[in-house]
C-alpha atoms as a PDB file:
ATOM      1  CA  MET A   1     115.119  95.865  77.460  1.00  0.00           C
ATOM      2  CA  LEU A   2     114.179  92.670  79.236  1.00  0.00           C
ATOM      3  CA  ALA A   3     116.409  89.627  78.891  1.00  0.00           C
ATOM      4  CA  LYS A   4     115.182  86.525  77.075  1.00  0.00           C
ATOM      5  CA  LYS A   5     115.068  84.618  80.378  1.00  0.00           C
ATOM      6  CA  ASN A   6     112.482  87.138  81.636  1.00  0.00           C
ATOM      7  CA  SER A   7     110.043  86.736  78.741  1.00  0.00           C
ATOM      8  CA  VAL A   8     107.103  84.327  78.734  1.00  0.00           C
ATOM      9  CA  PRO A   9     107.404  81.500  76.165  1.00  0.00           C
ATOM     10  CA  ARG A  10     104.372  80.661  74.042  1.00  0.00           C
ATOM     11  CA  GLN A  11     104.029  77.225  75.599  1.00  0.00           C
ATOM     12  CA  MET A  12     103.202  78.810  78.987  1.00  0.00           C
ATOM     13  CA  PHE A  13     100.288  80.952  77.751  1.00  0.00           C
ATOM     14  CA  PRO A  14      97.537  78.264  77.738  1.00  0.00           C
ATOM     15  CA  SER A  15      98.294  77.116  81.276  1.00  0.00           C
ATOM     16  CA  LEU A  16      98.644  80.718  82.445  1.00  0.00           C
ATOM     17  CA  LEU A  17      95.258  81.675  81.025  1.00  0.00           C
ATOM     18  CA  LYS A  18      93.656  78.632  82.597  1.00  0.00           C
ATOM     19  CA  GLU A  19      95.329  78.617  86.018  1.00  0.00           C
ATOM     20  CA  GLY A  20      96.568  82.179  86.506  1.00  0.00           C
ATOM     21  CA  LYS A  21      94.948  84.540  88.983  1.00  0.00           C
ATOM     22  CA  LYS A  22      93.454  87.705  87.509  1.00  0.00           C
ATOM     23  CA  TYR A  23      94.216  91.204  88.814  1.00  0.00           C
ATOM     24  CA  HIS A  24      92.403  94.280  87.438  1.00  0.00           C
ATOM     25  CA  SER A  25      93.014  97.976  87.107  1.00  0.00           C
ATOM     26  CA  ALA A  26      91.100 100.612  85.148  1.00  0.00           C
ATOM     27  CA  HIS A  27      92.937 100.190  81.835  1.00  0.00           C
ATOM     28  CA  MET A  28      94.528  96.737  82.013  1.00  0.00           C
ATOM     29  CA  PHE A  29      94.483  93.402  83.752  1.00  0.00           C
ATOM     30  CA  ALA A  30      97.134  90.820  84.515  1.00  0.00           C
ATOM     31  CA  ARG A  31      97.223  87.046  84.805  1.00  0.00           C
ATOM     32  CA  ILE A  32      99.732  85.877  87.382  1.00  0.00           C
ATOM     33  CA  MET A  33     100.785  82.300  88.017  1.00  0.00           C
ATOM     34  CA  ARG A  34     103.291  80.898  90.463  1.00  0.00           C
ATOM     35  CA  CYS A  35     105.912  78.485  89.086  1.00  0.00           C
ATOM     36  CA  ASN A  36     106.908  75.220  90.716  1.00  0.00           C
ATOM     37  CA  ASN A  37     110.507  76.375  90.941  1.00  0.00           C
ATOM     38  CA  LEU A  38     110.650  79.548  93.057  1.00  0.00           C
ATOM     39  CA  THR A  39     114.273  80.208  92.112  1.00  0.00           C
ATOM     40  CA  GLN A  40     113.282  80.673  88.454  1.00  0.00           C
ATOM     41  CA  PRO A  41     113.453  84.320  87.305  1.00  0.00           C
ATOM     42  CA  VAL A  42     110.284  86.359  86.916  1.00  0.00           C
ATOM     43  CA  ARG A  43     108.779  86.063  83.447  1.00  0.00           C
ATOM     44  CA  VAL A  44     106.745  88.994  82.122  1.00  0.00           C
ATOM     45  CA  SER A  45     104.904  89.650  78.875  1.00  0.00           C
ATOM     46  CA  PHE A  46     102.598  92.360  77.520  1.00  0.00           C
ATOM     47  CA  VAL A  47      99.654  91.781  75.173  1.00  0.00           C
ATOM     48  CA  VAL A  48      98.069  94.600  73.196  1.00  0.00           C
ATOM     49  CA  SER A  49      95.434  93.398  70.751  1.00  0.00           C
ATOM     50  CA  ALA A  50      94.843  94.996  67.381  1.00  0.00           C
ATOM     51  CA  LYS A  51      91.238  95.589  68.462  1.00  0.00           C
ATOM     52  CA  ALA A  52      92.418  97.719  71.376  1.00  0.00           C
ATOM     53  CA  VAL A  53      95.005  99.752  69.440  1.00  0.00           C
ATOM     54  CA  LYS A  54      94.911  99.806  65.648  1.00  0.00           C
ATOM     55  CA  SER A  55      98.410 101.093  64.946  1.00  0.00           C
ATOM     56  CA  ALA A  56     101.285  98.633  65.308  1.00  0.00           C
ATOM     57  CA  VAL A  57     103.569 101.519  66.224  1.00  0.00           C
ATOM     58  CA  GLU A  58     101.337 102.474  69.171  1.00  0.00           C
ATOM     59  CA  ARG A  59     101.088  98.830  70.287  1.00  0.00           C
ATOM     60  CA  ASN A  60     104.885  98.536  70.302  1.00  0.00           C
ATOM     61  CA  ILE A  61     105.221 101.795  72.250  1.00  0.00           C
ATOM     62  CA  LEU A  62     102.829 100.475  74.903  1.00  0.00           C
ATOM     63  CA  ARG A  63     104.836  97.247  75.163  1.00  0.00           C
ATOM     64  CA  ARG A  64     108.085  99.193  75.511  1.00  0.00           C
ATOM     65  CA  VAL A  65     106.622 101.383  78.253  1.00  0.00           C
ATOM     66  CA  GLY A  66     105.509  98.289  80.155  1.00  0.00           C
ATOM     67  CA  LYS A  67     108.838  96.520  79.718  1.00  0.00           C
ATOM     68  CA  SER A  68     110.737  99.584  80.921  1.00  0.00           C
ATOM     69  CA  VAL A  69     108.656  99.662  84.120  1.00  0.00           C
ATOM     70  CA  ILE A  70     109.380  95.986  84.742  1.00  0.00           C
ATOM     71  CA  TYR A  71     113.086  96.427  83.938  1.00  0.00           C
ATOM     72  CA  GLN A  72     113.380  99.238  86.512  1.00  0.00           C
ATOM     73  CA  ASN A  73     111.703  97.109  89.215  1.00  0.00           C
ATOM     74  CA  LEU A  74     113.020  93.663  88.272  1.00  0.00           C
ATOM     75  CA  ASN A  75     115.396  93.338  91.230  1.00  0.00           C
ATOM     76  CA  SER A  76     112.646  94.067  93.765  1.00  0.00           C
ATOM     77  CA  MET A  77     110.157  91.549  92.304  1.00  0.00           C
ATOM     78  CA  LYS A  78     109.619  88.106  93.831  1.00  0.00           C
ATOM     79  CA  GLN A  79     111.127  85.226  91.861  1.00  0.00           C
ATOM     80  CA  GLY A  80     109.246  82.231  90.476  1.00  0.00           C
ATOM     81  CA  HIS A  81     106.207  83.960  88.961  1.00  0.00           C
ATOM     82  CA  VAL A  82     104.842  84.368  85.447  1.00  0.00           C
ATOM     83  CA  VAL A  83     102.976  87.618  84.688  1.00  0.00           C
ATOM     84  CA  VAL A  84     101.125  88.610  81.514  1.00  0.00           C
ATOM     85  CA  PHE A  85      99.593  92.077  81.214  1.00  0.00           C
ATOM     86  CA  PHE A  86      96.641  92.634  78.861  1.00  0.00           C
ATOM     87  CA  PHE A  87      95.806  96.219  77.838  1.00  0.00           C
ATOM     88  CA  ASN A  88      92.152  97.247  77.428  1.00  0.00           C
ATOM     89  CA  LYS A  89      90.693  99.337  74.609  1.00  0.00           C
ATOM     90  CA  ASN A  90      90.737 102.535  76.671  1.00  0.00           C
ATOM     91  CA  ILE A  91      94.532 102.411  77.202  1.00  0.00           C
ATOM     92  CA  LYS A  92      95.113 105.210  74.660  1.00  0.00           C
ATOM     93  CA  GLU A  93      93.349 107.690  76.965  1.00  0.00           C
ATOM     94  CA  ILE A  94      96.068 107.733  79.631  1.00  0.00           C
ATOM     95  CA  SER A  95      99.677 108.909  79.801  1.00  0.00           C
ATOM     96  CA  LYS A  96     102.825 106.829  80.178  1.00  0.00           C
ATOM     97  CA  ASN A  97     103.142 107.789  83.854  1.00  0.00           C
ATOM     98  CA  GLU A  98      99.621 106.522  84.540  1.00  0.00           C
ATOM     99  CA  ILE A  99     100.448 103.255  82.768  1.00  0.00           C
ATOM    100  CA  LYS A 100     103.492 102.923  85.032  1.00  0.00           C
ATOM    101  CA  GLU A 101     101.365 103.550  88.134  1.00  0.00           C
ATOM    102  CA  GLU A 102      98.789 100.952  87.084  1.00  0.00           C
ATOM    103  CA  ILE A 103     101.425  98.290  86.399  1.00  0.00           C
ATOM    104  CA  LEU A 104     103.054  98.918  89.779  1.00  0.00           C
ATOM    105  CA  GLY A 105      99.634  98.907  91.445  1.00  0.00           C
ATOM    106  CA  ILE A 106      98.781  95.503  89.984  1.00  0.00           C
ATOM    107  CA  LEU A 107     102.157  94.104  91.075  1.00  0.00           C
ATOM    108  CA  LYS A 108     101.649  95.458  94.597  1.00  0.00           C
ATOM    109  CA  ASN A 109      98.132  93.964  94.789  1.00  0.00           C
ATOM    110  CA  ALA A 110      99.578  90.627  93.731  1.00  0.00           C
ATOM    111  CA  GLN A 111     102.304  91.056  96.385  1.00  0.00           C
ATOM    112  CA  LEU A 112     105.102  90.700  93.854  1.00  0.00           C
ATOM    113  CA  LEU A 113     106.803  93.962  94.898  1.00  0.00           C
END
């Protein structure tokens, strides 16, 4: 489970959507923004819309899978960034290991790992 200091507050979402750089993969995309204070811990959030996945249980499982990947790699990530992952509609087609690979791939493309 991620600590509260590593979650993205609601007030940051509008600026992140406006100013954040977009990174794509086959089943998700991420918005990544650099903070002014580079000593601030990494903040990560996962968004799964009800249009993409109907069941709330499945949406929560996807969020937990994403958070577990981040938790395992938190010490190796660069500080001072805000990351929000958005899952696409076709996310149900892939396994948990493929989700992990895509998240790590996006972070490597963004040079956060």
